[in-house]
Amino acid sequence: MTSPPTTTRHTRPAPAGPKVAAALLVGAAVAVSLGVYARVHTPSARPTFTLGFSSLLPMKAWLTTGALLLIVVQLLSALWMWGRLPGAGRAPGWVVPLHRWAGTAAFVLTLPVAFHCIWSLGFTTGSTRVIVHSVAGCAFYGAYATKMTFLRTRRLPRWALPVAGGTVLACVVLLWLTASLWFFTRAGIPKT
C-alpha cells in the first residue's frame, strides 16, 4: 500500500490564470451591467442634485477633474512605493495611506458623476465623443472592480495589478478628455 501524498512547503501555488480570469469577468460584468442599464433606462434629463454647482455640467466637470488629480497622486505614490519613481529614493511610511486614500477619494468623487451620467443622461450615441465617453465610463468601473478584486487575490502575476491600475488611469484620462476638457473649452457655459 502506498501512503497518501504529503503536502510540503515546496508545493506549487495554484495557477494564477483562473484568478485573473475571474477578476476580469467581475470587471466585465460590472462594465456591461452599467452600460446596459444606462442604455435601457429612460433618462430623467435633469439632475437630482448639483452639490452647490450652478448645473449638472459644471458639477460633472469639476468632480471629474478632482478625481483625475487624485488618480495622478495614486500613480505617483504607486511608482514611489514600488521604487519606480526616479530620484525619489525609498518611499516613507505615509505614502501607502496616501495612495489608498487618494484612490478612495477619487472613486467617491466619481460616484455623483456616474449617477447622473446613468440616471439623468443615459448611454447615448449622439456623437463619437459621447459614445467614447459612455464606453470609458463603463470601462472605468469595470477596471476599478477588477483592480479591487486583484488587491484581494494572492499570487497574481506581477503585471496584473499595474495593468489594472493603468487601465483605471487611462479610463479617467479619457473621461476627462471627452467631458471635462470639452466643457472647459466651450464658450458661453457657466464654469461653476
N, C-alpha and C. Protein backbone atom coordinates (compact mmCIF):
# COMPACT_ATOMS: atom_id res chain seq x y z
N MET A 1 0.83 -1.18 0.00
CA MET A 1 0.00 0.00 0.00
C MET A 1 0.87 1.24 0.00
N THR A 2 0.48 2.21 -0.76
CA THR A 2 1.24 3.45 -0.78
C THR A 2 0.59 4.45 0.16
N SER A 3 1.41 5.31 0.70
CA SER A 3 0.88 6.32 1.60
C SER A 3 0.36 7.50 0.78
N PRO A 4 -0.58 8.26 1.34
CA PRO A 4 -1.11 9.41 0.61
C PRO A 4 -0.02 10.46 0.43
N PRO A 5 -0.13 11.24 -0.63
CA PRO A 5 0.89 12.27 -0.84
C PRO A 5 0.88 13.27 0.31
N THR A 6 2.04 13.71 0.67
CA THR A 6 2.14 14.69 1.75
C THR A 6 2.31 16.08 1.15
N THR A 7 1.83 17.04 1.89
CA THR A 7 1.96 18.42 1.46
C THR A 7 3.20 19.00 2.09
N THR A 8 4.04 19.56 1.28
CA THR A 8 5.25 20.19 1.80
C THR A 8 5.19 21.67 1.48
N ARG A 9 6.10 22.40 2.04
CA ARG A 9 6.13 23.83 1.79
C ARG A 9 6.61 24.15 0.39
N HIS A 10 7.03 23.14 -0.34
CA HIS A 10 7.52 23.35 -1.70
C HIS A 10 6.46 23.05 -2.75
N THR A 11 5.22 22.87 -2.34
CA THR A 11 4.18 22.62 -3.33
C THR A 11 3.97 23.87 -4.17
N ARG A 12 3.57 23.64 -5.36
CA ARG A 12 3.35 24.76 -6.28
C ARG A 12 2.08 25.50 -5.92
N PRO A 13 2.11 26.83 -6.05
CA PRO A 13 0.88 27.58 -5.80
C PRO A 13 -0.11 27.32 -6.93
N ALA A 14 -1.37 27.55 -6.62
CA ALA A 14 -2.40 27.39 -7.65
C ALA A 14 -2.10 28.33 -8.81
N PRO A 15 -2.38 27.89 -10.03
CA PRO A 15 -2.11 28.75 -11.17
C PRO A 15 -2.92 30.05 -11.08
N ALA A 16 -2.29 31.13 -11.51
CA ALA A 16 -2.94 32.44 -11.41
C ALA A 16 -3.97 32.67 -12.50
N GLY A 17 -3.90 31.90 -13.58
CA GLY A 17 -4.82 32.10 -14.70
C GLY A 17 -6.28 32.18 -14.31
N PRO A 18 -6.80 31.22 -13.54
CA PRO A 18 -8.21 31.28 -13.15
C PRO A 18 -8.53 32.50 -12.28
N LYS A 19 -7.59 32.92 -11.44
CA LYS A 19 -7.81 34.09 -10.60
C LYS A 19 -7.89 35.35 -11.44
N VAL A 20 -7.00 35.46 -12.40
CA VAL A 20 -7.01 36.62 -13.30
C VAL A 20 -8.29 36.62 -14.11
N ALA A 21 -8.65 35.46 -14.64
CA ALA A 21 -9.87 35.36 -15.45
C ALA A 21 -11.11 35.73 -14.62
N ALA A 22 -11.16 35.25 -13.38
CA ALA A 22 -12.31 35.57 -12.53
C ALA A 22 -12.41 37.07 -12.27
N ALA A 23 -11.28 37.70 -11.98
CA ALA A 23 -11.29 39.15 -11.73
C ALA A 23 -11.70 39.92 -12.99
N LEU A 24 -11.21 39.47 -14.15
CA LEU A 24 -11.60 40.12 -15.40
C LEU A 24 -13.08 39.94 -15.68
N LEU A 25 -13.62 38.78 -15.34
CA LEU A 25 -15.06 38.55 -15.52
C LEU A 25 -15.88 39.44 -14.60
N VAL A 26 -15.42 39.63 -13.38
CA VAL A 26 -16.10 40.54 -12.46
C VAL A 26 -16.13 41.94 -13.07
N GLY A 27 -14.99 42.41 -13.54
CA GLY A 27 -14.91 43.73 -14.15
C GLY A 27 -15.79 43.85 -15.38
N ALA A 28 -15.77 42.84 -16.22
CA ALA A 28 -16.61 42.87 -17.42
C ALA A 28 -18.09 42.89 -17.06
N ALA A 29 -18.47 42.12 -16.04
CA ALA A 29 -19.87 42.10 -15.61
C ALA A 29 -20.31 43.48 -15.11
N VAL A 30 -19.44 44.14 -14.35
CA VAL A 30 -19.76 45.49 -13.86
C VAL A 30 -19.91 46.45 -15.03
N ALA A 31 -18.94 46.46 -15.94
CA ALA A 31 -18.97 47.39 -17.06
C ALA A 31 -20.20 47.17 -17.95
N VAL A 32 -20.46 45.93 -18.29
CA VAL A 32 -21.60 45.63 -19.17
C VAL A 32 -22.92 45.94 -18.47
N SER A 33 -23.03 45.61 -17.19
CA SER A 33 -24.26 45.89 -16.45
C SER A 33 -24.56 47.38 -16.42
N LEU A 34 -23.53 48.19 -16.14
CA LEU A 34 -23.75 49.63 -16.13
C LEU A 34 -24.16 50.15 -17.51
N GLY A 35 -23.48 49.68 -18.54
CA GLY A 35 -23.80 50.12 -19.89
C GLY A 35 -25.20 49.73 -20.32
N VAL A 36 -25.58 48.49 -20.04
CA VAL A 36 -26.92 48.03 -20.42
C VAL A 36 -27.98 48.81 -19.66
N TYR A 37 -27.79 48.98 -18.34
CA TYR A 37 -28.79 49.73 -17.58
C TYR A 37 -28.90 51.16 -18.09
N ALA A 38 -27.76 51.81 -18.32
CA ALA A 38 -27.79 53.20 -18.80
C ALA A 38 -28.45 53.30 -20.17
N ARG A 39 -28.32 52.26 -20.97
CA ARG A 39 -28.92 52.28 -22.32
C ARG A 39 -30.43 52.04 -22.28
N VAL A 40 -30.89 51.11 -21.45
CA VAL A 40 -32.32 50.77 -21.45
C VAL A 40 -33.14 51.66 -20.52
N HIS A 41 -32.49 52.28 -19.55
CA HIS A 41 -33.18 53.18 -18.62
C HIS A 41 -33.58 54.46 -19.35
N THR A 42 -34.78 54.94 -19.08
CA THR A 42 -35.21 56.21 -19.66
C THR A 42 -34.61 57.34 -18.82
N PRO A 43 -33.70 58.13 -19.41
CA PRO A 43 -33.04 59.18 -18.63
C PRO A 43 -34.03 60.23 -18.13
N SER A 44 -33.77 60.76 -16.96
CA SER A 44 -34.64 61.77 -16.38
C SER A 44 -34.45 63.14 -17.04
N ALA A 45 -33.31 63.34 -17.70
CA ALA A 45 -32.98 64.59 -18.40
C ALA A 45 -32.89 65.79 -17.45
N ARG A 46 -32.69 65.52 -16.17
CA ARG A 46 -32.50 66.60 -15.19
C ARG A 46 -31.66 66.06 -14.04
N PRO A 47 -30.89 66.95 -13.42
CA PRO A 47 -30.08 66.48 -12.28
C PRO A 47 -30.96 66.28 -11.05
N THR A 48 -30.56 65.36 -10.20
CA THR A 48 -31.26 65.19 -8.93
C THR A 48 -30.61 66.05 -7.84
N PHE A 49 -29.34 66.42 -8.03
CA PHE A 49 -28.62 67.33 -7.14
C PHE A 49 -27.43 67.87 -7.90
N THR A 50 -26.90 69.00 -7.44
CA THR A 50 -25.73 69.59 -8.11
C THR A 50 -24.60 69.94 -7.15
N LEU A 51 -24.74 69.60 -5.89
CA LEU A 51 -23.69 69.80 -4.88
C LEU A 51 -23.18 71.24 -4.84
N GLY A 52 -24.07 72.20 -5.04
CA GLY A 52 -23.70 73.62 -4.96
C GLY A 52 -23.23 74.22 -6.27
N PHE A 53 -23.09 73.42 -7.31
CA PHE A 53 -22.71 73.96 -8.61
C PHE A 53 -23.95 74.53 -9.29
N SER A 54 -23.73 75.38 -10.29
CA SER A 54 -24.86 76.04 -10.95
C SER A 54 -25.71 75.07 -11.77
N SER A 55 -25.11 73.98 -12.25
CA SER A 55 -25.86 72.99 -13.02
C SER A 55 -25.08 71.67 -13.07
N LEU A 56 -25.64 70.73 -13.80
CA LEU A 56 -25.07 69.39 -13.89
C LEU A 56 -23.69 69.38 -14.55
N LEU A 57 -23.52 70.07 -15.66
CA LEU A 57 -22.25 70.02 -16.38
C LEU A 57 -21.06 70.54 -15.57
N PRO A 58 -21.19 71.70 -14.89
CA PRO A 58 -20.04 72.11 -14.06
C PRO A 58 -19.72 71.11 -12.95
N MET A 59 -20.77 70.54 -12.34
CA MET A 59 -20.53 69.56 -11.28
C MET A 59 -19.74 68.37 -11.82
N LYS A 60 -20.19 67.83 -12.95
CA LYS A 60 -19.50 66.68 -13.53
C LYS A 60 -18.07 67.03 -13.92
N ALA A 61 -17.87 68.20 -14.53
CA ALA A 61 -16.53 68.58 -14.99
C ALA A 61 -15.56 68.76 -13.83
N TRP A 62 -15.99 69.45 -12.78
CA TRP A 62 -15.09 69.71 -11.66
C TRP A 62 -14.83 68.46 -10.82
N LEU A 63 -15.85 67.64 -10.59
CA LEU A 63 -15.63 66.40 -9.82
C LEU A 63 -14.71 65.44 -10.58
N THR A 64 -14.89 65.37 -11.90
CA THR A 64 -14.01 64.51 -12.69
C THR A 64 -12.59 65.05 -12.70
N THR A 65 -12.43 66.36 -12.72
CA THR A 65 -11.10 66.96 -12.65
C THR A 65 -10.44 66.62 -11.31
N GLY A 66 -11.20 66.72 -10.23
CA GLY A 66 -10.68 66.34 -8.92
C GLY A 66 -10.29 64.87 -8.87
N ALA A 67 -11.12 64.01 -9.45
CA ALA A 67 -10.80 62.58 -9.48
C ALA A 67 -9.53 62.33 -10.29
N LEU A 68 -9.37 63.03 -11.40
CA LEU A 68 -8.17 62.86 -12.22
C LEU A 68 -6.92 63.27 -11.44
N LEU A 69 -6.99 64.37 -10.74
CA LEU A 69 -5.83 64.82 -9.95
C LEU A 69 -5.48 63.79 -8.86
N LEU A 70 -6.50 63.24 -8.22
CA LEU A 70 -6.25 62.23 -7.19
C LEU A 70 -5.70 60.93 -7.79
N ILE A 71 -6.14 60.59 -8.99
CA ILE A 71 -5.60 59.40 -9.67
C ILE A 71 -4.13 59.62 -10.02
N VAL A 72 -3.77 60.84 -10.37
CA VAL A 72 -2.35 61.14 -10.64
C VAL A 72 -1.54 60.98 -9.35
N VAL A 73 -2.10 61.42 -8.21
CA VAL A 73 -1.44 61.20 -6.92
C VAL A 73 -1.27 59.70 -6.68
N GLN A 74 -2.30 58.94 -7.03
CA GLN A 74 -2.20 57.49 -6.87
C GLN A 74 -1.10 56.90 -7.74
N LEU A 75 -1.02 57.35 -8.98
CA LEU A 75 0.03 56.86 -9.88
C LEU A 75 1.41 57.17 -9.32
N LEU A 76 1.63 58.42 -8.92
CA LEU A 76 2.94 58.81 -8.40
C LEU A 76 3.28 58.05 -7.11
N SER A 77 2.31 57.90 -6.23
CA SER A 77 2.57 57.18 -4.99
C SER A 77 2.83 55.69 -5.25
N ALA A 78 2.14 55.10 -6.23
CA ALA A 78 2.40 53.70 -6.58
C ALA A 78 3.81 53.54 -7.14
N LEU A 79 4.19 54.45 -8.02
CA LEU A 79 5.55 54.40 -8.57
C LEU A 79 6.59 54.53 -7.45
N TRP A 80 6.33 55.40 -6.48
CA TRP A 80 7.25 55.59 -5.37
C TRP A 80 7.32 54.34 -4.50
N MET A 81 6.15 53.76 -4.19
CA MET A 81 6.12 52.57 -3.34
C MET A 81 6.88 51.40 -3.97
N TRP A 82 6.83 51.28 -5.28
CA TRP A 82 7.46 50.17 -5.97
C TRP A 82 8.86 50.51 -6.47
N GLY A 83 9.38 51.67 -6.03
CA GLY A 83 10.74 52.03 -6.38
C GLY A 83 10.93 52.40 -7.83
N ARG A 84 9.89 52.89 -8.46
CA ARG A 84 9.95 53.23 -9.88
C ARG A 84 9.88 54.74 -10.13
N LEU A 85 9.95 55.53 -9.08
CA LEU A 85 9.92 56.98 -9.23
C LEU A 85 11.36 57.48 -9.20
N PRO A 86 11.88 57.87 -10.35
CA PRO A 86 13.30 58.24 -10.45
C PRO A 86 13.69 59.35 -9.46
N GLY A 87 14.78 59.12 -8.75
CA GLY A 87 15.33 60.11 -7.84
C GLY A 87 14.59 60.29 -6.53
N ALA A 88 13.54 59.52 -6.29
CA ALA A 88 12.73 59.71 -5.09
C ALA A 88 13.25 58.91 -3.90
N GLY A 89 14.05 57.92 -4.13
CA GLY A 89 14.52 57.09 -3.02
C GLY A 89 13.41 56.19 -2.51
N ARG A 90 13.62 55.66 -1.33
CA ARG A 90 12.63 54.75 -0.74
C ARG A 90 11.44 55.54 -0.22
N ALA A 91 10.25 55.03 -0.45
CA ALA A 91 9.02 55.71 -0.04
C ALA A 91 8.86 55.65 1.48
N PRO A 92 8.57 56.79 2.12
CA PRO A 92 8.30 56.79 3.56
C PRO A 92 6.96 56.10 3.86
N GLY A 93 6.74 55.79 5.11
CA GLY A 93 5.55 55.05 5.52
C GLY A 93 4.23 55.73 5.20
N TRP A 94 4.21 57.06 5.11
CA TRP A 94 2.95 57.76 4.87
C TRP A 94 2.48 57.65 3.42
N VAL A 95 3.31 57.14 2.52
CA VAL A 95 2.94 57.05 1.11
C VAL A 95 1.85 56.00 0.89
N VAL A 96 1.90 54.89 1.61
CA VAL A 96 0.89 53.84 1.45
C VAL A 96 -0.50 54.36 1.82
N PRO A 97 -0.69 54.99 3.00
CA PRO A 97 -2.03 55.52 3.28
C PRO A 97 -2.44 56.62 2.30
N LEU A 98 -1.48 57.44 1.87
CA LEU A 98 -1.79 58.47 0.87
C LEU A 98 -2.32 57.81 -0.40
N HIS A 99 -1.66 56.76 -0.84
CA HIS A 99 -2.08 56.04 -2.04
C HIS A 99 -3.51 55.52 -1.88
N ARG A 100 -3.79 54.89 -0.77
CA ARG A 100 -5.13 54.31 -0.54
C ARG A 100 -6.20 55.39 -0.45
N TRP A 101 -5.92 56.45 0.31
CA TRP A 101 -6.92 57.50 0.49
C TRP A 101 -7.14 58.31 -0.78
N ALA A 102 -6.09 58.51 -1.56
CA ALA A 102 -6.26 59.22 -2.84
C ALA A 102 -7.16 58.40 -3.76
N GLY A 103 -6.96 57.09 -3.80
CA GLY A 103 -7.81 56.23 -4.62
C GLY A 103 -9.25 56.21 -4.14
N THR A 104 -9.42 56.13 -2.83
CA THR A 104 -10.77 56.12 -2.27
C THR A 104 -11.49 57.44 -2.57
N ALA A 105 -10.80 58.55 -2.33
CA ALA A 105 -11.40 59.86 -2.59
C ALA A 105 -11.72 60.05 -4.07
N ALA A 106 -10.84 59.60 -4.94
CA ALA A 106 -11.10 59.70 -6.38
C ALA A 106 -12.35 58.90 -6.75
N PHE A 107 -12.45 57.69 -6.23
CA PHE A 107 -13.62 56.87 -6.51
C PHE A 107 -14.90 57.54 -6.01
N VAL A 108 -14.85 58.08 -4.80
CA VAL A 108 -16.03 58.75 -4.24
C VAL A 108 -16.43 59.95 -5.11
N LEU A 109 -15.45 60.70 -5.60
CA LEU A 109 -15.78 61.84 -6.47
C LEU A 109 -16.45 61.40 -7.76
N THR A 110 -16.17 60.20 -8.22
CA THR A 110 -16.80 59.74 -9.47
C THR A 110 -18.25 59.30 -9.28
N LEU A 111 -18.65 58.99 -8.07
CA LEU A 111 -19.99 58.43 -7.86
C LEU A 111 -21.12 59.39 -8.25
N PRO A 112 -21.10 60.67 -7.82
CA PRO A 112 -22.19 61.55 -8.27
C PRO A 112 -22.17 61.77 -9.78
N VAL A 113 -20.98 61.76 -10.36
CA VAL A 113 -20.85 61.92 -11.81
C VAL A 113 -21.48 60.72 -12.51
N ALA A 114 -21.11 59.52 -12.09
CA ALA A 114 -21.65 58.31 -12.71
C ALA A 114 -23.16 58.22 -12.52
N PHE A 115 -23.61 58.54 -11.33
CA PHE A 115 -25.05 58.51 -11.07
C PHE A 115 -25.80 59.37 -12.07
N HIS A 116 -25.32 60.60 -12.26
CA HIS A 116 -26.01 61.50 -13.18
C HIS A 116 -25.82 61.09 -14.64
N CYS A 117 -24.66 60.55 -14.97
CA CYS A 117 -24.47 60.07 -16.34
C CYS A 117 -25.47 58.95 -16.64
N ILE A 118 -25.65 58.05 -15.70
CA ILE A 118 -26.54 56.91 -15.92
C ILE A 118 -28.01 57.32 -15.76
N TRP A 119 -28.34 57.97 -14.66
CA TRP A 119 -29.74 58.25 -14.33
C TRP A 119 -30.30 59.42 -15.15
N SER A 120 -29.55 60.50 -15.24
CA SER A 120 -30.07 61.71 -15.88
C SER A 120 -29.83 61.74 -17.39
N LEU A 121 -28.71 61.19 -17.84
CA LEU A 121 -28.34 61.32 -19.25
C LEU A 121 -28.44 60.01 -20.03
N GLY A 122 -28.15 58.89 -19.40
CA GLY A 122 -28.20 57.59 -20.07
C GLY A 122 -27.02 57.37 -20.99
N PHE A 123 -27.00 56.20 -21.58
CA PHE A 123 -25.96 55.83 -22.55
C PHE A 123 -26.48 56.23 -23.91
N THR A 124 -25.99 57.34 -24.41
CA THR A 124 -26.49 57.86 -25.69
C THR A 124 -25.43 57.71 -26.77
N THR A 125 -25.88 57.80 -27.99
CA THR A 125 -24.99 57.63 -29.14
C THR A 125 -25.08 58.84 -30.08
N GLY A 126 -25.24 60.03 -29.50
CA GLY A 126 -25.42 61.23 -30.30
C GLY A 126 -24.19 61.68 -31.08
N SER A 127 -23.02 61.36 -30.59
CA SER A 127 -21.78 61.76 -31.27
C SER A 127 -20.67 60.80 -30.87
N THR A 128 -19.60 60.85 -31.62
CA THR A 128 -18.45 59.99 -31.30
C THR A 128 -17.93 60.31 -29.91
N ARG A 129 -17.84 61.60 -29.56
CA ARG A 129 -17.35 62.00 -28.24
C ARG A 129 -18.20 61.38 -27.14
N VAL A 130 -19.51 61.42 -27.30
CA VAL A 130 -20.42 60.90 -26.28
C VAL A 130 -20.32 59.38 -26.19
N ILE A 131 -20.20 58.72 -27.32
CA ILE A 131 -20.06 57.25 -27.30
C ILE A 131 -18.77 56.86 -26.59
N VAL A 132 -17.67 57.51 -26.95
CA VAL A 132 -16.38 57.21 -26.31
C VAL A 132 -16.47 57.47 -24.81
N HIS A 133 -17.11 58.58 -24.43
CA HIS A 133 -17.26 58.92 -23.02
C HIS A 133 -18.09 57.86 -22.29
N SER A 134 -19.18 57.44 -22.88
CA SER A 134 -20.04 56.44 -22.24
C SER A 134 -19.31 55.10 -22.07
N VAL A 135 -18.60 54.68 -23.10
CA VAL A 135 -17.85 53.42 -23.01
C VAL A 135 -16.73 53.54 -21.98
N ALA A 136 -16.03 54.67 -21.96
CA ALA A 136 -14.95 54.87 -20.99
C ALA A 136 -15.48 54.87 -19.56
N GLY A 137 -16.67 55.44 -19.35
CA GLY A 137 -17.26 55.43 -18.01
C GLY A 137 -17.56 54.03 -17.53
N CYS A 138 -18.17 53.23 -18.40
CA CYS A 138 -18.45 51.84 -18.04
C CYS A 138 -17.15 51.07 -17.83
N ALA A 139 -16.18 51.29 -18.71
CA ALA A 139 -14.89 50.60 -18.60
C ALA A 139 -14.17 50.99 -17.31
N PHE A 140 -14.29 52.26 -16.89
CA PHE A 140 -13.66 52.69 -15.65
C PHE A 140 -14.14 51.85 -14.47
N TYR A 141 -15.46 51.71 -14.33
CA TYR A 141 -15.98 50.94 -13.20
C TYR A 141 -15.65 49.46 -13.31
N GLY A 142 -15.59 48.95 -14.54
CA GLY A 142 -15.16 47.57 -14.72
C GLY A 142 -13.70 47.38 -14.34
N ALA A 143 -12.84 48.31 -14.78
CA ALA A 143 -11.42 48.23 -14.43
C ALA A 143 -11.22 48.42 -12.93
N TYR A 144 -11.99 49.30 -12.33
CA TYR A 144 -11.88 49.52 -10.89
C TYR A 144 -12.27 48.24 -10.13
N ALA A 145 -13.35 47.61 -10.56
CA ALA A 145 -13.78 46.35 -9.91
C ALA A 145 -12.70 45.28 -10.07
N THR A 146 -12.10 45.21 -11.25
CA THR A 146 -11.02 44.24 -11.47
C THR A 146 -9.84 44.54 -10.56
N LYS A 147 -9.46 45.82 -10.48
CA LYS A 147 -8.32 46.19 -9.63
C LYS A 147 -8.60 45.84 -8.17
N MET A 148 -9.79 46.15 -7.69
CA MET A 148 -10.12 45.84 -6.29
C MET A 148 -10.13 44.34 -6.06
N THR A 149 -10.57 43.56 -7.04
CA THR A 149 -10.53 42.10 -6.91
C THR A 149 -9.09 41.61 -6.88
N PHE A 150 -8.25 42.18 -7.74
CA PHE A 150 -6.83 41.82 -7.73
C PHE A 150 -6.19 42.10 -6.38
N LEU A 151 -6.56 43.21 -5.75
CA LEU A 151 -5.96 43.56 -4.46
C LEU A 151 -6.26 42.53 -3.38
N ARG A 152 -7.33 41.80 -3.54
CA ARG A 152 -7.73 40.80 -2.55
C ARG A 152 -7.33 39.39 -2.97
N THR A 153 -6.58 39.26 -4.06
CA THR A 153 -6.21 37.96 -4.59
C THR A 153 -4.72 37.74 -4.39
N ARG A 154 -4.37 36.57 -3.90
CA ARG A 154 -2.96 36.24 -3.67
C ARG A 154 -2.35 35.58 -4.90
N ARG A 155 -1.05 35.75 -5.00
CA ARG A 155 -0.23 35.10 -6.04
C ARG A 155 -0.66 35.44 -7.46
N LEU A 156 -0.90 36.69 -7.70
CA LEU A 156 -1.18 37.14 -9.06
C LEU A 156 0.11 37.32 -9.83
N PRO A 157 0.04 37.29 -11.14
CA PRO A 157 1.24 37.64 -11.91
C PRO A 157 1.64 39.09 -11.60
N ARG A 158 2.91 39.39 -11.68
CA ARG A 158 3.40 40.73 -11.32
C ARG A 158 2.78 41.83 -12.17
N TRP A 159 2.38 41.51 -13.38
CA TRP A 159 1.85 42.51 -14.28
C TRP A 159 0.39 42.86 -14.00
N ALA A 160 -0.34 42.01 -13.29
CA ALA A 160 -1.79 42.14 -13.18
C ALA A 160 -2.23 43.46 -12.53
N LEU A 161 -1.70 43.76 -11.36
CA LEU A 161 -2.13 44.97 -10.66
C LEU A 161 -1.72 46.25 -11.39
N PRO A 162 -0.48 46.36 -11.89
CA PRO A 162 -0.14 47.57 -12.65
C PRO A 162 -1.00 47.75 -13.91
N VAL A 163 -1.33 46.66 -14.58
CA VAL A 163 -2.17 46.78 -15.77
C VAL A 163 -3.58 47.25 -15.38
N ALA A 164 -4.12 46.68 -14.31
CA ALA A 164 -5.45 47.10 -13.85
C ALA A 164 -5.43 48.58 -13.43
N GLY A 165 -4.42 48.97 -12.66
CA GLY A 165 -4.31 50.37 -12.25
C GLY A 165 -4.11 51.30 -13.42
N GLY A 166 -3.30 50.88 -14.39
CA GLY A 166 -3.09 51.69 -15.59
C GLY A 166 -4.36 51.83 -16.40
N THR A 167 -5.18 50.79 -16.43
CA THR A 167 -6.45 50.86 -17.15
C THR A 167 -7.41 51.82 -16.46
N VAL A 168 -7.43 51.80 -15.13
CA VAL A 168 -8.25 52.77 -14.38
C VAL A 168 -7.80 54.19 -14.72
N LEU A 169 -6.49 54.42 -14.68
CA LEU A 169 -5.95 55.74 -15.01
C LEU A 169 -6.31 56.15 -16.43
N ALA A 170 -6.13 55.25 -17.39
CA ALA A 170 -6.43 55.55 -18.78
C ALA A 170 -7.91 55.90 -18.96
N CYS A 171 -8.77 55.18 -18.29
CA CYS A 171 -10.21 55.46 -18.39
C CYS A 171 -10.55 56.84 -17.83
N VAL A 172 -9.95 57.20 -16.69
CA VAL A 172 -10.22 58.52 -16.10
C VAL A 172 -9.69 59.63 -17.01
N VAL A 173 -8.52 59.44 -17.58
CA VAL A 173 -7.99 60.43 -18.52
C VAL A 173 -8.93 60.58 -19.71
N LEU A 174 -9.40 59.46 -20.26
CA LEU A 174 -10.32 59.51 -21.39
C LEU A 174 -11.64 60.16 -21.01
N LEU A 175 -12.14 59.86 -19.83
CA LEU A 175 -13.36 60.51 -19.34
C LEU A 175 -13.17 62.01 -19.24
N TRP A 176 -12.03 62.41 -18.69
CA TRP A 176 -11.76 63.84 -18.53
C TRP A 176 -11.64 64.53 -19.89
N LEU A 177 -10.95 63.90 -20.82
CA LEU A 177 -10.77 64.49 -22.15
C LEU A 177 -12.09 64.62 -22.90
N THR A 178 -12.97 63.64 -22.75
CA THR A 178 -14.22 63.64 -23.51
C THR A 178 -15.36 64.38 -22.83
N ALA A 179 -15.16 64.85 -21.61
CA ALA A 179 -16.23 65.58 -20.94
C ALA A 179 -15.72 66.88 -20.32
N SER A 180 -14.80 66.77 -19.36
CA SER A 180 -14.35 67.97 -18.65
C SER A 180 -13.60 68.92 -19.58
N LEU A 181 -12.65 68.42 -20.34
CA LEU A 181 -11.93 69.29 -21.27
C LEU A 181 -12.89 69.90 -22.28
N TRP A 182 -13.78 69.08 -22.80
CA TRP A 182 -14.81 69.57 -23.72
C TRP A 182 -15.60 70.70 -23.07
N PHE A 183 -16.02 70.50 -21.83
CA PHE A 183 -16.81 71.52 -21.11
C PHE A 183 -16.00 72.79 -20.89
N PHE A 184 -14.76 72.66 -20.40
CA PHE A 184 -13.95 73.84 -20.09
C PHE A 184 -13.59 74.65 -21.33
N THR A 185 -13.62 74.04 -22.50
CA THR A 185 -13.26 74.77 -23.72
C THR A 185 -14.47 75.33 -24.47
N ARG A 186 -15.67 75.15 -23.93
CA ARG A 186 -16.88 75.69 -24.56
C ARG A 186 -17.14 77.10 -24.06
N ALA A 187 -17.39 78.00 -24.97
CA ALA A 187 -17.71 79.38 -24.60
C ALA A 187 -19.20 79.48 -24.25
N GLY A 188 -19.51 80.40 -23.36
CA GLY A 188 -20.90 80.67 -23.03
C GLY A 188 -21.54 79.74 -22.02
N ILE A 189 -20.79 78.79 -21.47
CA ILE A 189 -21.34 77.88 -20.45
C ILE A 189 -20.74 78.29 -19.11
N PRO A 190 -21.59 78.57 -18.09
CA PRO A 190 -21.03 78.91 -16.78
C PRO A 190 -20.14 77.77 -16.26
N LYS A 191 -18.98 78.12 -15.76
CA LYS A 191 -17.98 77.12 -15.36
C LYS A 191 -18.06 76.72 -13.89
N THR A 192 -18.95 77.33 -13.13
CA THR A 192 -19.08 76.96 -11.71
C THR A 192 -20.48 76.54 -11.35
